[in-house]
């Protein structure tokens, strides 16, 4: 399970299925790049959660990906043990290597499991269960939330990061193609996202009212807060490199759903030899926001 997800529109069912299937192991570089770049946001969120808790013994990162955020949580809670849970072994391998490299390996472990029910395999109940943009990769989100609730110790906290605002890299008018490119790309992505959800095993449509769903599984919603990522132009080399990676992923994944003109513009934006590309533009920025919903299990 990973922390990011983009893809697209096809003409036949098999083609659509191929493109809505996500190979998270192949996405490792982008997942790590993004989480590192967004570290201030995640650190701020972890600090906010820490201020609401008197102590945390076990933290579970449900859908940990390559463990970047798991390690941020280990830093924020220096007395806690951290378990990174994911269903993709190469991601867990990266998480273990990262924890060892950062000196937190002695209180860091991994569990290979599906989020739909695999948290029942945890040895101990969690004091804090973090799930960052992973729940929507589970067909039955309500059932998964009920599993999260079971995995919490009495008084334990669920921190669910879902939704927010899509990433923006450019102004509306970029001097090539029709204005509003990113809004059109987002519309194609939204169509893809709906198909991705519908094709998941045991898919159930839910109104994405996360506090209501938390309440429905027996938790008490206590807070909602949105964390901003605001990296204005001129951006750092690391930010520019991430925009290239992210935009390349979107271009490749959404290509069948994009019109020819927009596809041509994306190709120019990703051409290192084109002066209008991301590589050379002075107006590139990165702006997005992620919303965190917090609930507590009654004691």
Protein backbone atom coordinates (compact mmCIF):
# COMPACT_ATOMS: atom_id res chain seq x y z
CA UNK A 1 0.00 0.00 0.00
CA UNK A 2 1.36 3.36 -0.87
CA UNK A 3 0.95 7.04 -0.23
CA UNK A 4 0.18 8.26 -3.66
CA UNK A 5 -2.05 7.18 -6.61
CA UNK A 6 -2.70 8.50 -10.12
CA UNK A 7 -3.80 6.82 -13.45
CA UNK A 8 -6.53 6.91 -16.35
CA UNK A 9 -9.12 6.20 -19.15
CA UNK A 10 -9.28 3.33 -21.67
CA UNK A 11 -11.42 1.88 -24.42
CA UNK A 12 -11.76 -1.74 -23.31
CA UNK A 13 -12.13 -3.44 -19.98
CA UNK A 14 -8.84 -5.32 -20.07
CA UNK A 15 -6.90 -2.20 -20.96
CA UNK A 16 -8.66 -0.30 -18.19
CA UNK A 17 -7.88 -3.02 -15.67
CA UNK A 18 -4.20 -3.03 -16.66
CA UNK A 19 -3.92 0.70 -16.12
CA UNK A 20 -5.85 0.90 -12.86
CA UNK A 21 -3.68 -1.82 -11.31
CA UNK A 22 -0.89 -0.13 -9.39
CA UNK A 23 2.58 -1.61 -9.00
CA UNK A 24 3.63 0.03 -5.74
CA UNK A 25 7.09 -1.54 -5.83
CA UNK A 26 7.77 0.31 -9.09
CA UNK A 27 6.58 3.52 -7.43
CA UNK A 28 9.18 3.37 -4.62
CA UNK A 29 11.33 6.25 -5.95
CA UNK A 30 8.36 8.59 -6.27
CA UNK A 31 6.89 7.57 -2.91
CA UNK A 32 10.18 8.22 -1.15
CA UNK A 33 10.77 11.47 -3.04
CA UNK A 34 7.34 12.80 -2.11
CA UNK A 35 7.44 11.81 1.56
CA UNK A 36 10.91 13.33 2.01
CA UNK A 37 9.80 16.55 0.32
CA UNK A 38 6.66 16.73 2.44
CA UNK A 39 8.54 16.03 5.66
CA UNK A 40 7.61 19.41 7.25
CA UNK A 41 3.92 18.60 6.79
CA UNK A 42 4.22 15.11 8.28
CA UNK A 43 6.43 16.35 11.12
CA UNK A 44 3.88 19.06 11.92
CA UNK A 45 1.07 16.48 11.90
CA UNK A 46 3.04 14.11 14.13
CA UNK A 47 3.83 16.92 16.56
CA UNK A 48 0.17 17.90 16.68
CA UNK A 49 -0.79 14.30 17.46
CA UNK A 50 1.94 14.06 20.11
CA UNK A 51 0.60 17.16 21.85
CA UNK A 52 -2.82 15.49 22.12
CA UNK A 53 -1.45 12.32 23.75
CA UNK A 54 0.25 11.81 27.10
CA UNK A 55 2.20 8.77 25.91
CA UNK A 56 2.42 6.28 23.09
CA UNK A 57 3.81 2.75 23.42
CA UNK A 58 3.03 1.24 20.03
CA UNK A 59 2.52 3.11 16.75
CA UNK A 60 1.20 1.29 13.67
CA UNK A 61 1.64 2.82 10.21
CA UNK A 62 -1.10 1.10 8.21
CA UNK A 63 -0.19 1.16 4.53
CA UNK A 64 3.33 2.31 5.28
CA UNK A 65 4.82 2.15 1.80
CA UNK A 66 8.62 2.40 1.99
CA UNK A 67 8.51 3.59 5.60
CA UNK A 68 9.50 7.24 5.26
CA UNK A 69 6.58 8.44 7.37
CA UNK A 70 6.98 5.47 9.75
CA UNK A 71 10.47 6.78 10.52
CA UNK A 72 9.15 10.34 10.94
CA UNK A 73 6.73 8.95 13.53
CA UNK A 74 9.60 7.15 15.27
CA UNK A 75 11.42 10.50 15.50
CA UNK A 76 8.34 12.29 16.82
CA UNK A 77 7.68 9.61 19.45
CA UNK A 78 11.18 8.60 20.66
CA UNK A 79 9.88 6.20 23.33
CA UNK A 80 7.49 4.35 21.00
CA UNK A 81 7.83 1.12 19.07
CA UNK A 82 6.75 1.43 15.43
CA UNK A 83 5.27 -1.27 13.20
CA UNK A 84 5.07 -0.57 9.47
CA UNK A 85 2.24 -2.58 7.86
CA UNK A 86 2.02 -3.10 4.11
CA UNK A 87 1.13 -5.91 1.71
CA UNK A 88 4.09 -5.32 -0.63
CA UNK A 89 7.30 -6.94 0.63
CA UNK A 90 9.75 -4.77 -1.38
CA UNK A 91 8.24 -1.71 0.32
CA UNK A 92 8.74 -3.29 3.75
CA UNK A 93 12.33 -4.15 2.86
CA UNK A 94 12.95 -0.48 2.11
CA UNK A 95 11.24 0.49 5.37
CA UNK A 96 13.48 -1.82 7.45
CA UNK A 97 16.62 -0.58 5.68
CA UNK A 98 15.59 3.04 6.27
CA UNK A 99 14.91 2.45 9.96
CA UNK A 100 18.31 0.80 10.39
CA UNK A 101 20.05 3.60 8.50
CA UNK A 102 18.36 6.25 10.67
CA UNK A 103 19.18 4.49 13.92
CA UNK A 104 15.64 3.50 14.95
CA UNK A 105 15.80 -0.14 13.83
CA UNK A 106 15.90 -1.42 17.42
CA UNK A 107 12.30 -0.27 17.95
CA UNK A 108 11.04 -0.73 14.41
CA UNK A 109 9.44 -3.78 12.82
CA UNK A 110 7.29 -4.63 9.83
CA UNK A 111 4.21 -6.75 9.19
CA UNK A 112 3.19 -7.94 5.74
CA UNK A 113 -0.59 -7.85 5.70
CA UNK A 114 -3.57 -6.50 3.80
CA UNK A 115 -5.33 -3.60 5.47
CA UNK A 116 -8.74 -5.16 4.91
CA UNK A 117 -8.23 -7.51 7.84
CA UNK A 118 -4.53 -8.07 8.32
CA UNK A 119 -4.25 -5.80 11.35
CA UNK A 120 -5.78 -8.64 13.35
CA UNK A 121 -2.27 -10.16 13.12
CA UNK A 122 -0.72 -7.44 15.28
CA UNK A 123 0.72 -8.87 18.49
CA UNK A 124 -0.35 -5.91 20.61
CA UNK A 125 -3.04 -3.24 20.37
CA UNK A 126 -1.88 0.11 19.00
CA UNK A 127 -1.82 3.34 20.97
CA UNK A 128 -1.64 5.31 17.71
CA UNK A 129 -2.69 3.95 14.32
CA UNK A 130 -1.66 6.14 11.40
CA UNK A 131 -3.15 5.54 7.93
CA UNK A 132 -2.01 8.05 5.33
CA UNK A 133 -3.83 7.86 1.97
CA UNK A 134 -3.93 4.06 2.16
CA UNK A 135 -7.52 3.31 3.17
CA UNK A 136 -8.92 4.18 -0.27
CA UNK A 137 -6.95 1.25 -1.72
CA UNK A 138 -9.18 -1.14 0.30
CA UNK A 139 -12.45 -2.24 -1.31
CA UNK A 140 -14.57 -2.14 1.85
CA UNK A 141 -13.34 0.95 3.65
CA UNK A 142 -15.89 0.69 6.47
CA UNK A 143 -14.80 -2.88 7.23
CA UNK A 144 -11.15 -1.79 7.20
CA UNK A 145 -11.96 1.05 9.60
CA UNK A 146 -13.67 -1.46 11.89
CA UNK A 147 -10.44 -3.49 11.75
CA UNK A 148 -8.46 -0.37 12.65
CA UNK A 149 -10.76 0.18 15.61
CA UNK A 150 -10.23 -3.42 16.79
CA UNK A 151 -6.46 -2.93 16.52
CA UNK A 152 -6.50 0.08 18.85
CA UNK A 153 -5.99 -0.13 22.59
CA UNK A 154 -8.75 1.45 24.71
CA UNK A 155 -8.06 5.18 24.59
CA UNK A 156 -5.96 4.69 21.45
CA UNK A 157 -5.97 7.17 18.57
CA UNK A 158 -6.68 6.67 14.87
CA UNK A 159 -5.13 9.29 12.59
CA UNK A 160 -6.58 8.96 9.09
CA UNK A 161 -5.17 11.12 6.29
CA UNK A 162 -7.56 11.18 3.33
CA UNK A 163 -8.61 13.89 0.93
CA UNK A 164 -7.47 17.48 0.79
CA UNK A 165 -6.52 19.33 -2.38
CA UNK A 166 -4.79 18.04 -5.53
CA UNK A 167 -1.23 19.13 -6.26
CA UNK A 168 -0.65 22.24 -8.32
CA UNK A 169 2.65 22.91 -10.10
CA UNK A 170 1.90 25.73 -12.55
CA UNK A 171 -0.19 28.87 -12.97
CA UNK A 172 -3.42 28.54 -14.98
CA UNK A 173 -1.79 30.04 -18.07
CA UNK A 174 1.64 28.54 -18.79
CA UNK A 175 2.20 30.03 -22.25
CA UNK A 176 1.76 26.77 -24.17
CA UNK A 177 -1.48 24.92 -24.91
CA UNK A 178 -4.88 25.85 -23.52
CA UNK A 179 -5.03 27.42 -20.05
CA UNK A 180 -6.19 25.18 -17.21
CA UNK A 181 -4.14 22.08 -18.04
CA UNK A 182 -3.97 20.76 -14.49
CA UNK A 183 -7.73 21.01 -13.95
CA UNK A 184 -8.30 18.86 -17.04
CA UNK A 185 -5.68 16.33 -15.91
CA UNK A 186 -7.41 16.19 -12.51
CA UNK A 187 -10.75 15.43 -14.18
CA UNK A 188 -9.21 12.47 -16.04
CA UNK A 189 -7.57 11.31 -12.81
CA UNK A 190 -10.90 11.48 -10.96
CA UNK A 191 -12.45 9.18 -13.60
CA UNK A 192 -9.54 6.79 -13.19
CA UNK A 193 -9.80 6.92 -9.40
CA UNK A 194 -13.48 5.95 -9.54
CA UNK A 195 -12.67 2.97 -11.75
CA UNK A 196 -9.78 1.97 -9.51
CA UNK A 197 -12.14 1.96 -6.51
CA UNK A 198 -14.84 0.02 -8.39
CA UNK A 199 -12.35 -2.68 -9.44
CA UNK A 200 -11.01 -3.36 -5.95
CA UNK A 201 -11.98 -6.75 -4.46
CA UNK A 202 -15.14 -6.40 -2.39
CA UNK A 203 -15.56 -2.77 -3.40
CA UNK A 204 -18.27 -0.90 -1.53
CA UNK A 205 -19.22 2.68 -2.32
CA UNK A 206 -19.26 4.94 0.71
CA UNK A 207 -19.95 8.61 1.20
CA UNK A 208 -16.51 9.90 2.11
CA UNK A 209 -17.65 11.44 5.39
CA UNK A 210 -14.73 10.12 7.41
CA UNK A 211 -15.89 11.38 10.84
CA UNK A 212 -19.26 9.65 10.27
CA UNK A 213 -17.55 6.42 9.21
CA UNK A 214 -15.27 6.58 12.25
CA UNK A 215 -18.32 7.01 14.47
CA UNK A 216 -20.07 4.10 12.73
CA UNK A 217 -17.28 1.71 13.76
CA UNK A 218 -17.38 2.77 17.40
CA UNK A 219 -14.74 5.51 17.52
CA UNK A 220 -15.18 9.07 18.77
CA UNK A 221 -14.12 11.72 16.27
CA UNK A 222 -12.11 14.35 18.13
CA UNK A 223 -10.48 16.62 15.55
CA UNK A 224 -9.92 17.39 11.87
CA UNK A 225 -7.03 19.45 10.59
CA UNK A 226 -5.62 20.16 7.13
CA UNK A 227 -1.88 20.45 6.60
CA UNK A 228 -0.55 22.63 3.80
CA UNK A 229 2.43 21.99 1.56
CA UNK A 230 3.42 25.36 0.10
CA UNK A 231 6.68 25.41 -1.88
CA UNK A 232 6.57 28.63 -3.92
CA UNK A 233 8.62 29.51 -6.98
CA UNK A 234 11.54 29.51 -7.36
CA UNK A 235 11.66 25.92 -6.15
CA UNK A 236 14.60 23.87 -4.94
CA UNK A 237 16.24 21.26 -7.14
CA UNK A 238 14.60 18.54 -5.02
CA UNK A 239 11.14 20.06 -5.55
CA UNK A 240 11.70 20.46 -9.29
CA UNK A 241 12.87 16.82 -9.51
CA UNK A 242 9.74 15.65 -7.70
CA UNK A 243 7.48 17.67 -10.03
CA UNK A 244 9.18 15.98 -12.99
CA UNK A 245 8.70 12.52 -11.40
CA UNK A 246 5.08 13.16 -10.43
CA UNK A 247 4.10 14.73 -13.74
CA UNK A 248 5.80 11.90 -15.67
CA UNK A 249 3.78 9.38 -13.65
CA UNK A 250 0.55 11.21 -14.38
CA UNK A 251 1.34 11.65 -18.06
CA UNK A 252 2.10 7.94 -18.52
CA UNK A 253 -0.83 6.72 -16.45
CA UNK A 254 -3.50 9.06 -17.77
CA UNK A 255 -2.39 9.22 -21.41
CA UNK A 256 -5.34 7.25 -22.90
CA UNK A 257 -7.82 9.64 -21.28
CA UNK A 258 -6.12 12.89 -22.24
CA UNK A 259 -6.75 14.74 -25.49
CA UNK A 260 -3.91 14.99 -28.00
CA UNK A 261 -3.25 18.68 -27.38
CA UNK A 262 -2.89 18.26 -23.61
CA UNK A 263 -0.69 15.20 -24.10
CA UNK A 264 1.56 17.19 -26.40
CA UNK A 265 1.84 19.96 -23.81
CA UNK A 266 2.76 17.45 -21.10
CA UNK A 267 5.44 16.04 -23.39
CA UNK A 268 6.89 19.52 -23.83
CA UNK A 269 6.77 20.12 -20.09
CA UNK A 270 8.77 16.92 -19.55
CA UNK A 271 11.34 17.47 -22.31
CA UNK A 272 14.67 18.56 -20.79
CA UNK A 273 15.62 20.25 -24.08
CA UNK A 274 12.46 22.39 -24.23
CA UNK A 275 12.86 25.82 -22.62
CA UNK A 276 9.15 25.70 -21.66
CA UNK A 277 9.67 22.49 -19.67
CA UNK A 278 9.62 21.92 -15.92
CA UNK A 279 13.40 21.66 -16.08
CA UNK A 280 13.76 25.33 -17.05
CA UNK A 281 10.55 27.16 -16.03
CA UNK A 282 10.96 29.81 -13.31
CA UNK A 283 7.24 29.66 -12.42
CA UNK A 284 7.12 26.03 -11.18
CA UNK A 285 5.80 25.67 -7.63
CA UNK A 286 4.25 22.95 -5.49
CA UNK A 287 1.03 23.56 -3.57
CA UNK A 288 -1.22 20.93 -2.01
CA UNK A 289 -3.02 20.07 1.21
CA UNK A 290 -3.82 16.85 3.09
CA UNK A 291 -6.57 16.47 5.66
CA UNK A 292 -6.10 14.43 8.84
CA UNK A 293 -9.10 13.03 10.73
CA UNK A 294 -8.53 11.97 14.33
CA UNK A 295 -10.67 9.63 16.42
CA UNK A 296 -10.26 7.90 19.78
CA UNK A 297 -11.37 4.46 20.90
CA UNK A 298 -13.50 4.73 24.05
CA UNK A 299 -11.86 3.35 27.20
